[in-house]
């Protein structure tokens, strides 16, 4: 495969979201799965489904090997990341992680009725990137993928929702300020989907 990419003159590949994810109930009930990867629940691990060996941790080893082999052939790896929402859906669930830890900190809730979520993503929830612990989670994750997994950049899914302050998009939001000031993340390629 690498020789084919080289023959085409490819110098970078962008991989779809590969962070650990779960399939939502509707897909499972219809015999389908979330092959696109836009239902993240674990921001620090490649999904086990991408491993040829289902032993714990093997997906990390295999991902690193893939990146190393691509780099040896002067091909950069850009990773599509989804930090605008999680797989926890709306108020009906499921509760898998962040909702159970600190729902009001991790998610944008309706001010008048905090049982409900402000859904700027069309997935049932939106992460509250303006909250310090959410921002730290995202930055720690990005630094992990650069420093430990050796990716060369990121494509941010629905980047406008990451810049959302209250009900409007702020291009100078805290999220982008932190990205540009970070000594690790600011040095890699960054692509923002509108």
C-alpha atoms as a PDB file:
ATOM      1  CA  UNK A   1       0.000   0.000   0.000  1.00  0.00           C
ATOM      2  CA  UNK A   2       2.808   2.446   0.846  1.00  0.00           C
ATOM      3  CA  UNK A   3       4.460   1.880  -2.548  1.00  0.00           C
ATOM      4  CA  UNK A   4       1.143   2.641  -4.226  1.00  0.00           C
ATOM      5  CA  UNK A   5       0.845   5.900  -2.239  1.00  0.00           C
ATOM      6  CA  UNK A   6       4.412   6.825  -3.170  1.00  0.00           C
ATOM      7  CA  UNK A   7       3.754   6.067  -6.859  1.00  0.00           C
ATOM      8  CA  UNK A   8       0.844   8.516  -6.684  1.00  0.00           C
ATOM      9  CA  UNK A   9       3.105  11.176  -5.162  1.00  0.00           C
ATOM     10  CA  UNK A  10       1.239  11.181  -1.846  1.00  0.00           C
ATOM     11  CA  UNK A  11       3.110  12.982   0.949  1.00  0.00           C
ATOM     12  CA  UNK A  12       0.418  12.912   3.640  1.00  0.00           C
ATOM     13  CA  UNK A  13      -2.549  10.759   4.584  1.00  0.00           C
ATOM     14  CA  UNK A  14      -5.529  11.886   6.609  1.00  0.00           C
ATOM     15  CA  UNK A  15      -7.075   9.078   8.577  1.00  0.00           C
ATOM     16  CA  UNK A  16     -10.706   9.107   9.622  1.00  0.00           C
ATOM     17  CA  UNK A  17     -11.389   9.217  13.379  1.00  0.00           C
ATOM     18  CA  UNK A  18      -9.693   6.215  14.968  1.00  0.00           C
ATOM     19  CA  UNK A  19     -10.087   7.065  18.658  1.00  0.00           C
ATOM     20  CA  UNK A  20     -12.052   4.572  20.733  1.00  0.00           C
ATOM     21  CA  UNK A  21     -15.749   4.832  19.958  1.00  0.00           C
ATOM     22  CA  UNK A  22     -19.010   3.050  20.515  1.00  0.00           C
ATOM     23  CA  UNK A  23     -21.923   2.339  18.232  1.00  0.00           C
ATOM     24  CA  UNK A  24     -25.168   4.048  19.123  1.00  0.00           C
ATOM     25  CA  UNK A  25     -28.213   1.965  19.985  1.00  0.00           C
ATOM     26  CA  UNK A  26     -30.084   2.680  16.741  1.00  0.00           C
ATOM     27  CA  UNK A  27     -27.208   1.385  14.625  1.00  0.00           C
ATOM     28  CA  UNK A  28     -26.799  -1.767  16.703  1.00  0.00           C
ATOM     29  CA  UNK A  29     -30.547  -2.495  16.571  1.00  0.00           C
ATOM     30  CA  UNK A  30     -30.386  -2.249  12.766  1.00  0.00           C
ATOM     31  CA  UNK A  31     -27.340  -4.488  12.441  1.00  0.00           C
ATOM     32  CA  UNK A  32     -25.094  -1.566  11.517  1.00  0.00           C
ATOM     33  CA  UNK A  33     -21.971  -0.052  13.016  1.00  0.00           C
ATOM     34  CA  UNK A  34     -20.316   3.338  13.265  1.00  0.00           C
ATOM     35  CA  UNK A  35     -17.653   2.776  10.622  1.00  0.00           C
ATOM     36  CA  UNK A  36     -17.077   6.536  10.172  1.00  0.00           C
ATOM     37  CA  UNK A  37     -15.754   6.885  13.729  1.00  0.00           C
ATOM     38  CA  UNK A  38     -17.577  10.055  14.742  1.00  0.00           C
ATOM     39  CA  UNK A  39     -18.838   8.687  18.078  1.00  0.00           C
ATOM     40  CA  UNK A  40     -15.767   9.013  20.300  1.00  0.00           C
ATOM     41  CA  UNK A  41     -15.706   8.007  23.939  1.00  0.00           C
ATOM     42  CA  UNK A  42     -11.973   7.413  24.533  1.00  0.00           C
ATOM     43  CA  UNK A  43      -9.749  10.260  23.383  1.00  0.00           C
ATOM     44  CA  UNK A  44      -6.441   8.573  24.250  1.00  0.00           C
ATOM     45  CA  UNK A  45      -6.706   5.185  22.542  1.00  0.00           C
ATOM     46  CA  UNK A  46      -7.057   3.882  19.016  1.00  0.00           C
ATOM     47  CA  UNK A  47     -10.196   1.803  18.641  1.00  0.00           C
ATOM     48  CA  UNK A  48      -9.487  -1.913  19.168  1.00  0.00           C
ATOM     49  CA  UNK A  49     -11.404  -2.646  15.949  1.00  0.00           C
ATOM     50  CA  UNK A  50      -8.405  -1.351  13.989  1.00  0.00           C
ATOM     51  CA  UNK A  51      -6.061  -3.914  15.489  1.00  0.00           C
ATOM     52  CA  UNK A  52      -5.243  -7.287  13.996  1.00  0.00           C
ATOM     53  CA  UNK A  53      -4.770  -8.556  17.561  1.00  0.00           C
ATOM     54  CA  UNK A  54      -7.484  -7.871  20.142  1.00  0.00           C
ATOM     55  CA  UNK A  55      -5.118  -8.220  23.102  1.00  0.00           C
ATOM     56  CA  UNK A  56      -5.250  -5.091  25.289  1.00  0.00           C
ATOM     57  CA  UNK A  57      -2.852  -2.417  24.094  1.00  0.00           C
ATOM     58  CA  UNK A  58      -2.047  -4.032  20.759  1.00  0.00           C
ATOM     59  CA  UNK A  59      -3.923  -1.320  18.873  1.00  0.00           C
ATOM     60  CA  UNK A  60      -1.469   1.233  20.296  1.00  0.00           C
ATOM     61  CA  UNK A  61       1.546  -0.826  19.213  1.00  0.00           C
ATOM     62  CA  UNK A  62       0.130  -1.349  15.722  1.00  0.00           C
ATOM     63  CA  UNK A  63      -0.805   2.311  15.304  1.00  0.00           C
ATOM     64  CA  UNK A  64       2.723   3.394  16.250  1.00  0.00           C
ATOM     65  CA  UNK A  65       4.190   0.867  13.793  1.00  0.00           C
ATOM     66  CA  UNK A  66       1.964   2.203  11.020  1.00  0.00           C
ATOM     67  CA  UNK A  67       2.965   5.806  11.695  1.00  0.00           C
ATOM     68  CA  UNK A  68       6.656   4.855  11.868  1.00  0.00           C
ATOM     69  CA  UNK A  69       6.469   3.011   8.545  1.00  0.00           C
ATOM     70  CA  UNK A  70       4.692   5.944   6.878  1.00  0.00           C
ATOM     71  CA  UNK A  71       7.279   8.364   8.281  1.00  0.00           C
ATOM     72  CA  UNK A  72      10.124   6.166   7.025  1.00  0.00           C
ATOM     73  CA  UNK A  73       8.617   6.719   3.590  1.00  0.00           C
ATOM     74  CA  UNK A  74       8.222  10.480   4.128  1.00  0.00           C
ATOM     75  CA  UNK A  75       4.449  10.326   4.420  1.00  0.00           C
ATOM     76  CA  UNK A  76       2.857  12.466   7.122  1.00  0.00           C
ATOM     77  CA  UNK A  77      -0.122  11.307   9.181  1.00  0.00           C
ATOM     78  CA  UNK A  78      -2.979  13.736   9.768  1.00  0.00           C
ATOM     79  CA  UNK A  79      -5.620  12.499  12.175  1.00  0.00           C
ATOM     80  CA  UNK A  80      -9.301  13.440  11.995  1.00  0.00           C
ATOM     81  CA  UNK A  81     -10.451  14.197  15.562  1.00  0.00           C
ATOM     82  CA  UNK A  82     -13.889  14.693  17.077  1.00  0.00           C
ATOM     83  CA  UNK A  83     -13.821  16.885  20.182  1.00  0.00           C
ATOM     84  CA  UNK A  84     -17.156  18.623  19.611  1.00  0.00           C
ATOM     85  CA  UNK A  85     -19.334  15.846  21.065  1.00  0.00           C
ATOM     86  CA  UNK A  86     -19.105  12.347  22.527  1.00  0.00           C
ATOM     87  CA  UNK A  87     -20.918   9.048  22.132  1.00  0.00           C
ATOM     88  CA  UNK A  88     -23.058   9.744  25.197  1.00  0.00           C
ATOM     89  CA  UNK A  89     -25.978  11.094  23.142  1.00  0.00           C
ATOM     90  CA  UNK A  90     -28.656  13.326  24.646  1.00  0.00           C
ATOM     91  CA  UNK A  91     -30.446  13.228  28.009  1.00  0.00           C
ATOM     92  CA  UNK A  92     -31.617   9.687  27.220  1.00  0.00           C
ATOM     93  CA  UNK A  93     -28.073   8.400  27.256  1.00  0.00           C
ATOM     94  CA  UNK A  94     -26.156   6.283  27.323  1.00  0.00           C
ATOM     95  CA  UNK A  95     -24.083   7.315  30.331  1.00  0.00           C
ATOM     96  CA  UNK A  96     -20.657   5.873  29.645  1.00  0.00           C
ATOM     97  CA  UNK A  97     -18.087   8.302  31.001  1.00  0.00           C
ATOM     98  CA  UNK A  98     -18.126  12.095  31.149  1.00  0.00           C
ATOM     99  CA  UNK A  99     -21.828  12.440  31.919  1.00  0.00           C
ATOM    100  CA  UNK A 100     -21.397  10.270  34.992  1.00  0.00           C
ATOM    101  CA  UNK A 101     -18.289  12.132  36.148  1.00  0.00           C
ATOM    102  CA  UNK A 102     -19.471  15.750  35.874  1.00  0.00           C
ATOM    103  CA  UNK A 103     -22.292  16.315  33.405  1.00  0.00           C
ATOM    104  CA  UNK A 104     -22.524  20.132  33.840  1.00  0.00           C
ATOM    105  CA  UNK A 105     -18.772  20.554  33.357  1.00  0.00           C
ATOM    106  CA  UNK A 106     -18.366  18.382  30.271  1.00  0.00           C
ATOM    107  CA  UNK A 107     -21.505  19.265  28.318  1.00  0.00           C
ATOM    108  CA  UNK A 108     -23.365  22.375  27.228  1.00  0.00           C
ATOM    109  CA  UNK A 109     -26.674  22.142  29.037  1.00  0.00           C
ATOM    110  CA  UNK A 110     -29.868  24.086  28.454  1.00  0.00           C
ATOM    111  CA  UNK A 111     -29.818  27.003  30.913  1.00  0.00           C
ATOM    112  CA  UNK A 112     -33.575  26.922  31.543  1.00  0.00           C
ATOM    113  CA  UNK A 113     -33.784  23.157  31.909  1.00  0.00           C
ATOM    114  CA  UNK A 114     -30.332  21.625  32.516  1.00  0.00           C
ATOM    115  CA  UNK A 115     -31.715  18.132  32.052  1.00  0.00           C
ATOM    116  CA  UNK A 116     -31.514  18.851  28.315  1.00  0.00           C
ATOM    117  CA  UNK A 117     -28.434  19.436  26.177  1.00  0.00           C
ATOM    118  CA  UNK A 118     -27.608  22.288  23.835  1.00  0.00           C
ATOM    119  CA  UNK A 119     -26.909  20.291  20.716  1.00  0.00           C
ATOM    120  CA  UNK A 120     -24.826  22.279  18.227  1.00  0.00           C
ATOM    121  CA  UNK A 121     -23.539  19.108  16.566  1.00  0.00           C
ATOM    122  CA  UNK A 122     -26.647  17.148  15.603  1.00  0.00           C
ATOM    123  CA  UNK A 123     -25.551  14.232  17.790  1.00  0.00           C
ATOM    124  CA  UNK A 124     -27.474  14.909  20.989  1.00  0.00           C
ATOM    125  CA  UNK A 125     -24.735  16.739  22.897  1.00  0.00           C
ATOM    126  CA  UNK A 126     -21.953  19.288  22.584  1.00  0.00           C
ATOM    127  CA  UNK A 127     -18.830  19.282  24.722  1.00  0.00           C
ATOM    128  CA  UNK A 128     -18.342  22.497  26.704  1.00  0.00           C
ATOM    129  CA  UNK A 129     -14.924  23.443  25.380  1.00  0.00           C
ATOM    130  CA  UNK A 130     -15.052  26.672  27.391  1.00  0.00           C
ATOM    131  CA  UNK A 131     -14.809  24.676  30.648  1.00  0.00           C
ATOM    132  CA  UNK A 132     -11.191  24.387  31.898  1.00  0.00           C
ATOM    133  CA  UNK A 133     -11.282  20.631  32.536  1.00  0.00           C
ATOM    134  CA  UNK A 134     -12.724  19.915  29.080  1.00  0.00           C
ATOM    135  CA  UNK A 135     -10.144  22.155  27.456  1.00  0.00           C
ATOM    136  CA  UNK A 136      -7.399  20.400  29.423  1.00  0.00           C
ATOM    137  CA  UNK A 137      -8.737  16.966  28.391  1.00  0.00           C
ATOM    138  CA  UNK A 138      -8.644  17.954  24.732  1.00  0.00           C
ATOM    139  CA  UNK A 139      -5.189  19.517  24.930  1.00  0.00           C
ATOM    140  CA  UNK A 140      -3.784  16.537  26.841  1.00  0.00           C
ATOM    141  CA  UNK A 141      -5.248  14.255  24.187  1.00  0.00           C
ATOM    142  CA  UNK A 142      -3.789  16.274  21.310  1.00  0.00           C
ATOM    143  CA  UNK A 143      -0.357  16.371  22.950  1.00  0.00           C
ATOM    144  CA  UNK A 144      -0.556  12.597  23.536  1.00  0.00           C
ATOM    145  CA  UNK A 145      -1.245  11.906  19.865  1.00  0.00           C
ATOM    146  CA  UNK A 146       1.675  14.119  18.807  1.00  0.00           C
ATOM    147  CA  UNK A 147       4.224  13.201  21.498  1.00  0.00           C
ATOM    148  CA  UNK A 148       3.466   9.508  22.054  1.00  0.00           C
ATOM    149  CA  UNK A 149       1.748   8.370  18.857  1.00  0.00           C
ATOM    150  CA  UNK A 150       3.759  10.712  16.568  1.00  0.00           C
ATOM    151  CA  UNK A 151       1.000  12.074  14.328  1.00  0.00           C
ATOM    152  CA  UNK A 152       1.854  15.142  12.263  1.00  0.00           C
ATOM    153  CA  UNK A 153      -1.381  17.061  12.542  1.00  0.00           C
ATOM    154  CA  UNK A 154      -5.115  17.128  13.081  1.00  0.00           C
ATOM    155  CA  UNK A 155      -8.295  17.849  11.194  1.00  0.00           C
ATOM    156  CA  UNK A 156     -10.923  19.117  13.650  1.00  0.00           C
ATOM    157  CA  UNK A 157     -14.449  17.899  12.929  1.00  0.00           C
ATOM    158  CA  UNK A 158     -17.012  20.725  13.165  1.00  0.00           C
ATOM    159  CA  UNK A 159     -14.355  23.195  14.314  1.00  0.00           C
ATOM    160  CA  UNK A 160     -16.922  25.996  14.568  1.00  0.00           C
ATOM    161  CA  UNK A 161     -18.545  24.205  17.511  1.00  0.00           C
ATOM    162  CA  UNK A 162     -15.179  24.181  19.297  1.00  0.00           C
ATOM    163  CA  UNK A 163     -15.118  27.978  19.008  1.00  0.00           C
ATOM    164  CA  UNK A 164     -18.691  28.403  20.186  1.00  0.00           C
ATOM    165  CA  UNK A 165     -19.030  30.846  23.053  1.00  0.00           C
ATOM    166  CA  UNK A 166     -22.574  30.845  24.408  1.00  0.00           C
ATOM    167  CA  UNK A 167     -24.671  31.044  21.213  1.00  0.00           C
ATOM    168  CA  UNK A 168     -22.229  32.477  18.680  1.00  0.00           C
ATOM    169  CA  UNK A 169     -18.970  31.373  17.108  1.00  0.00           C
ATOM    170  CA  UNK A 170     -15.929  33.307  18.333  1.00  0.00           C
ATOM    171  CA  UNK A 171     -12.915  32.808  16.073  1.00  0.00           C
ATOM    172  CA  UNK A 172     -10.729  34.033  18.944  1.00  0.00           C
ATOM    173  CA  UNK A 173     -12.161  31.592  21.468  1.00  0.00           C
ATOM    174  CA  UNK A 174     -10.178  30.072  24.325  1.00  0.00           C
ATOM    175  CA  UNK A 175      -9.860  26.833  22.376  1.00  0.00           C
ATOM    176  CA  UNK A 176      -7.949  28.419  19.508  1.00  0.00           C
ATOM    177  CA  UNK A 177      -5.943  30.618  21.901  1.00  0.00           C
ATOM    178  CA  UNK A 178      -4.731  27.553  23.777  1.00  0.00           C
ATOM    179  CA  UNK A 179      -3.977  25.656  20.560  1.00  0.00           C
ATOM    180  CA  UNK A 180      -1.821  28.489  19.216  1.00  0.00           C
ATOM    181  CA  UNK A 181       0.054  28.904  22.511  1.00  0.00           C
ATOM    182  CA  UNK A 182       0.724  25.241  23.138  1.00  0.00           C
ATOM    183  CA  UNK A 183       4.406  24.382  22.533  1.00  0.00           C
ATOM    184  CA  UNK A 184       3.542  20.944  21.102  1.00  0.00           C
ATOM    185  CA  UNK A 185       0.223  21.292  19.289  1.00  0.00           C
ATOM    186  CA  UNK A 186       1.007  24.669  17.697  1.00  0.00           C
ATOM    187  CA  UNK A 187       3.901  23.059  15.813  1.00  0.00           C
ATOM    188  CA  UNK A 188       1.840  20.496  13.867  1.00  0.00           C
ATOM    189  CA  UNK A 189      -0.518  20.866  10.923  1.00  0.00           C
ATOM    190  CA  UNK A 190      -4.005  21.994  11.939  1.00  0.00           C
ATOM    191  CA  UNK A 191      -7.060  21.814   9.681  1.00  0.00           C
ATOM    192  CA  UNK A 192     -10.440  23.198  10.766  1.00  0.00           C
ATOM    193  CA  UNK A 193     -13.622  21.872   9.189  1.00  0.00           C
ATOM    194  CA  UNK A 194     -16.122  24.755   9.014  1.00  0.00           C
END
